[in-house]
Amino acid sequence: MDKRSRLLGVLIAGTILISLLLLSCAPKATPVPGPTPTPTLTPAPTPTARATPAATPTATANPTATPTPVATPTATPTATANPTATPTPVATPTRTPTPAGTPAAITFDPAVAQQARDLFTAKYVCNVCHSISTLNIPGGTLGPDLSAVLLGRVPSNTAPALNPLPRWFEEKGFARPEGDPVKAGELLVDFLASPPDYAPTKQVQVAAFKNTAGGEEPWLRDVRALVELLKEAAAEQ
């Protein structure tokens, strides 16, 4: 009995000892630290810093307003239009007679003058009565040679009744046709378009010429061409 109780006590004591040893050797659970939310705060200030450069382009809008003064220099070329109007008075001295008595240059349209040769010799057959020696256009002797009729001059043996142009020029206050051939041509057109009463022969001829032309307007157009021919004749002297 004593041996059993002694052995039982030894077993109980060993069991208790083993339990204590197991408890002391068991691993303790250590808490795992969680992630800290520190990085989330850093991106917030960066967008606000980028918004500040966006305000700088607004300052560049002010220089764009500076080109508006450039419109003022463009208005200055309009003042240059005034000098362009000055050449118009230049045409007037060419119409005035030369005071020194020297004849002015006679200008004419060669193409129109060439067409007028057919009017003179074919359509109105003026060469039945007149010739134009400076242009080698032969004709009759019933009327004077018309080489210098633009200047109011005809051969000296011509009867005054057959040369009414000097009186026509006088009535128009035009004393020197050679000094202003342009004006002489205009007065000659007026004379042939509607001859005065003191040129009855020419009145009869012009009435017939108007019928041939087909009216006053076509006759006036042909008269202007014939005067270009007479300008060429006078220029060849």
Protein backbone atom coordinates (compact mmCIF):
# COMPACT_ATOMS: atom_id res chain seq x y z
CA MET A 1 0.00 0.00 0.00
CA ASP A 2 2.71 2.43 0.72
CA LYS A 3 4.47 1.64 -2.54
CA ARG A 4 1.30 2.29 -4.53
CA SER A 5 0.56 5.58 -2.93
CA ARG A 6 4.15 6.64 -3.28
CA LEU A 7 4.16 5.71 -7.02
CA LEU A 8 0.84 7.51 -7.54
CA GLY A 9 2.26 10.65 -5.97
CA VAL A 10 5.26 10.47 -8.19
CA LEU A 11 3.06 10.20 -11.31
CA ILE A 12 0.88 13.12 -10.24
CA ALA A 13 3.88 15.25 -9.52
CA GLY A 14 5.42 14.41 -12.90
CA THR A 15 2.20 15.19 -14.69
CA ILE A 16 1.97 18.60 -13.04
CA LEU A 17 5.60 19.29 -13.86
CA ILE A 18 5.17 18.39 -17.54
CA SER A 19 2.07 20.62 -17.75
CA LEU A 20 4.00 23.55 -16.32
CA LEU A 21 6.84 22.99 -18.72
CA LEU A 22 4.46 22.90 -21.69
CA LEU A 23 2.82 26.15 -20.63
CA SER A 24 6.12 27.89 -20.25
CA CYS A 25 7.46 26.76 -23.64
CA ALA A 26 4.34 27.67 -25.76
CA PRO A 27 4.96 30.65 -28.32
CA LYS A 28 3.14 33.89 -27.55
CA ALA A 29 1.17 35.65 -30.42
CA THR A 30 2.69 39.02 -31.33
CA PRO A 31 0.34 41.62 -32.91
CA VAL A 32 1.11 42.53 -36.60
CA PRO A 33 1.29 46.32 -37.13
CA GLY A 34 -1.15 47.64 -39.75
CA PRO A 35 -0.20 49.94 -42.71
CA THR A 36 -0.06 53.62 -41.90
CA PRO A 37 -2.13 55.98 -44.28
CA THR A 38 0.63 58.57 -44.56
CA PRO A 39 1.06 58.64 -48.44
CA THR A 40 -2.51 59.79 -49.07
CA LEU A 41 -1.79 63.31 -47.83
CA THR A 42 1.08 64.11 -50.23
CA PRO A 43 -0.77 64.16 -53.64
CA ALA A 44 -3.27 66.75 -52.44
CA PRO A 45 -0.94 69.79 -52.47
CA THR A 46 0.54 69.02 -55.91
CA PRO A 47 -2.59 69.84 -58.02
CA THR A 48 -3.01 73.15 -56.21
CA ALA A 49 0.57 74.09 -57.10
CA ARG A 50 -0.09 73.36 -60.80
CA ALA A 51 -3.14 75.63 -60.88
CA THR A 52 -0.99 78.69 -60.25
CA PRO A 53 0.80 78.59 -63.66
CA ALA A 54 -2.61 78.60 -65.35
CA ALA A 55 -3.05 82.19 -64.19
CA THR A 56 0.10 83.31 -66.02
CA PRO A 57 -1.35 82.94 -69.58
CA THR A 58 -4.03 85.44 -68.65
CA ALA A 59 -1.29 88.02 -68.25
CA THR A 60 -0.18 87.33 -71.84
CA ALA A 61 -3.59 88.48 -73.11
CA ASN A 62 -2.57 92.06 -72.35
CA PRO A 63 0.22 92.12 -75.00
CA THR A 64 -2.30 90.96 -77.59
CA ALA A 65 -4.15 94.23 -77.11
CA THR A 66 -1.04 96.16 -78.18
CA PRO A 67 -1.45 95.42 -81.94
CA THR A 68 -4.53 97.66 -81.97
CA PRO A 69 -2.34 100.80 -82.38
CA VAL A 70 -1.10 99.23 -85.62
CA ALA A 71 -4.43 100.20 -87.23
CA THR A 72 -3.48 103.87 -86.96
CA PRO A 73 -0.53 103.61 -89.42
CA THR A 74 -2.83 101.96 -91.95
CA ALA A 75 -4.95 105.10 -92.00
CA THR A 76 -1.94 107.18 -93.05
CA PRO A 77 -1.73 105.72 -96.61
CA THR A 78 -5.15 107.20 -97.30
CA ALA A 79 -3.49 110.58 -97.23
CA THR A 80 -1.36 109.46 -100.19
CA ALA A 81 -4.51 109.34 -102.33
CA ASN A 82 -4.39 113.16 -102.49
CA PRO A 83 -1.15 113.27 -104.52
CA THR A 84 -2.65 110.85 -107.04
CA ALA A 85 -5.34 113.41 -107.88
CA THR A 86 -2.66 115.98 -108.83
CA PRO A 87 -1.89 114.52 -112.31
CA THR A 88 -5.34 115.54 -113.57
CA PRO A 89 -4.45 119.25 -113.93
CA VAL A 90 -1.40 118.20 -115.98
CA ALA A 91 -3.66 117.47 -118.96
CA THR A 92 -4.81 121.09 -119.18
CA PRO A 93 -1.46 122.67 -120.24
CA THR A 94 -1.38 120.39 -123.29
CA ARG A 95 -4.63 121.94 -124.48
CA THR A 96 -3.38 125.54 -124.31
CA PRO A 97 -1.76 127.08 -127.41
CA THR A 98 2.00 127.52 -127.32
CA PRO A 99 2.72 131.21 -126.63
CA ALA A 100 5.96 131.24 -128.65
CA GLY A 101 4.10 130.47 -131.89
CA THR A 102 5.71 127.07 -132.34
CA PRO A 103 3.24 124.44 -133.57
CA ALA A 104 2.27 121.74 -131.09
CA ALA A 105 2.70 118.04 -131.83
CA ILE A 106 -0.27 116.48 -133.60
CA THR A 107 -1.34 113.09 -132.26
CA PHE A 108 -3.88 110.74 -133.82
CA ASP A 109 -5.13 107.16 -133.67
CA PRO A 110 -3.42 105.28 -136.53
CA ALA A 111 -5.93 102.42 -136.55
CA VAL A 112 -8.92 104.75 -136.75
CA ALA A 113 -7.19 106.91 -139.36
CA GLN A 114 -6.59 103.82 -141.50
CA GLN A 115 -10.28 102.87 -141.30
CA ALA A 116 -11.20 106.43 -142.25
CA ARG A 117 -9.44 106.06 -145.61
CA ASP A 118 -12.24 103.75 -146.72
CA LEU A 119 -14.81 106.27 -145.47
CA PHE A 120 -13.10 109.03 -147.46
CA THR A 121 -12.68 107.16 -150.72
CA ALA A 122 -15.46 104.54 -150.75
CA LYS A 123 -18.37 105.23 -148.40
CA TYR A 124 -18.67 109.00 -148.84
CA VAL A 125 -16.43 109.36 -151.94
CA CYS A 126 -15.01 112.64 -150.64
CA ASN A 127 -12.14 112.22 -153.10
CA VAL A 128 -14.48 113.20 -155.93
CA CYS A 129 -13.95 116.81 -154.84
CA HIS A 130 -10.95 116.69 -152.46
CA SER A 131 -7.48 115.22 -152.34
CA ILE A 132 -5.06 114.68 -149.44
CA SER A 133 -1.61 115.03 -150.93
CA THR A 134 0.34 114.41 -147.70
CA LEU A 135 -1.23 110.94 -147.51
CA ASN A 136 -0.97 110.29 -151.29
CA ILE A 137 -4.76 110.20 -151.66
CA PRO A 138 -5.60 111.66 -155.05
CA GLY A 139 -8.89 113.41 -155.73
CA GLY A 140 -10.79 116.02 -157.69
CA THR A 141 -10.16 119.73 -157.85
CA LEU A 142 -13.67 121.01 -157.18
CA GLY A 143 -12.70 121.40 -153.52
CA PRO A 144 -9.38 122.28 -151.87
CA ASP A 145 -6.67 119.85 -150.84
CA LEU A 146 -7.36 118.83 -147.23
CA SER A 147 -3.79 118.14 -146.08
CA ALA A 148 -3.80 121.10 -143.66
CA VAL A 149 -7.53 121.69 -143.18
CA LEU A 150 -7.21 120.67 -139.49
CA LEU A 151 -5.23 123.88 -138.99
CA GLY A 152 -7.68 125.95 -141.04
CA ARG A 153 -5.32 126.18 -143.99
CA VAL A 154 -6.03 125.40 -147.65
CA PRO A 155 -4.16 126.20 -150.87
CA SER A 156 -3.97 129.93 -151.57
CA ASN A 157 -5.94 129.71 -154.81
CA THR A 158 -9.01 128.37 -152.95
CA ALA A 159 -12.09 130.59 -153.02
CA PRO A 160 -13.10 131.90 -149.55
CA ALA A 161 -16.57 130.36 -149.92
CA LEU A 162 -14.92 126.94 -150.11
CA ASN A 163 -12.96 127.46 -146.89
CA PRO A 164 -15.33 128.50 -144.09
CA LEU A 165 -13.16 126.97 -141.33
CA PRO A 166 -11.14 130.13 -140.50
CA ARG A 167 -14.39 131.99 -139.77
CA TRP A 168 -15.63 128.99 -137.76
CA PHE A 169 -12.48 129.00 -135.63
CA GLU A 170 -12.75 132.77 -135.15
CA GLU A 171 -16.31 132.54 -133.91
CA LYS A 172 -15.20 129.95 -131.35
CA GLY A 173 -12.41 132.25 -130.13
CA PHE A 174 -9.77 129.93 -131.53
CA ALA A 175 -7.09 132.03 -133.22
CA ARG A 176 -4.19 129.57 -133.52
CA PRO A 177 -5.21 126.00 -134.42
CA GLU A 178 -1.57 124.98 -134.82
CA GLY A 179 -1.00 125.76 -131.16
CA ASP A 180 -3.69 123.33 -129.98
CA PRO A 181 -4.42 120.56 -132.53
CA VAL A 182 -6.61 118.70 -130.03
CA LYS A 183 -8.98 121.65 -129.75
CA ALA A 184 -8.83 122.14 -133.51
CA GLY A 185 -9.93 118.54 -134.02
CA GLU A 186 -12.88 118.96 -131.64
CA LEU A 187 -14.04 122.11 -133.48
CA LEU A 188 -13.65 120.36 -136.84
CA VAL A 189 -15.89 117.51 -135.60
CA ASP A 190 -18.52 120.05 -134.57
CA PHE A 191 -18.28 121.78 -137.96
CA LEU A 192 -18.73 118.57 -139.97
CA ALA A 193 -21.51 117.28 -137.71
CA SER A 194 -23.60 120.44 -138.13
CA PRO A 195 -22.22 123.05 -140.57
CA PRO A 196 -23.15 126.73 -140.01
CA ASP A 197 -25.44 128.71 -142.29
CA TYR A 198 -22.54 130.49 -144.00
CA ALA A 199 -21.40 127.10 -145.38
CA PRO A 200 -24.45 126.16 -147.47
CA THR A 201 -22.53 123.81 -149.76
CA LYS A 202 -21.28 121.85 -146.78
CA GLN A 203 -24.79 121.76 -145.32
CA VAL A 204 -26.11 120.08 -148.47
CA GLN A 205 -23.23 117.60 -148.47
CA VAL A 206 -23.67 116.72 -144.78
CA ALA A 207 -27.41 116.14 -145.26
CA ALA A 208 -26.57 113.59 -147.96
CA PHE A 209 -23.82 112.05 -145.83
CA LYS A 210 -26.23 111.53 -142.91
CA ASN A 211 -28.55 109.58 -145.20
CA THR A 212 -25.63 107.46 -146.36
CA ALA A 213 -24.51 106.84 -142.77
CA GLY A 214 -28.02 105.92 -141.59
CA GLY A 215 -28.66 108.77 -139.19
CA GLU A 216 -26.97 111.44 -137.12
CA GLU A 217 -25.29 109.11 -134.62
CA PRO A 218 -23.59 106.92 -137.26
CA TRP A 219 -22.56 110.05 -139.16
CA LEU A 220 -21.04 111.57 -136.00
CA ARG A 221 -19.09 108.36 -135.40
CA ASP A 222 -17.74 108.48 -138.97
CA VAL A 223 -16.92 112.19 -138.61
CA ARG A 224 -14.68 111.47 -135.64
CA ALA A 225 -12.86 108.85 -137.68
CA LEU A 226 -12.46 111.25 -140.64
CA VAL A 227 -10.99 113.89 -138.32
CA GLU A 228 -8.37 111.33 -137.19
CA LEU A 229 -7.47 110.96 -140.86
CA LEU A 230 -7.16 114.76 -141.22
CA LYS A 231 -4.96 114.83 -138.09
CA GLU A 232 -2.64 112.30 -139.72
CA ALA A 233 -2.57 114.40 -142.88
CA ALA A 234 -1.65 117.55 -140.94
CA ALA A 235 1.04 115.65 -138.96
CA GLU A 236 2.72 114.59 -142.21
CA GLN A 237 3.41 118.17 -143.28
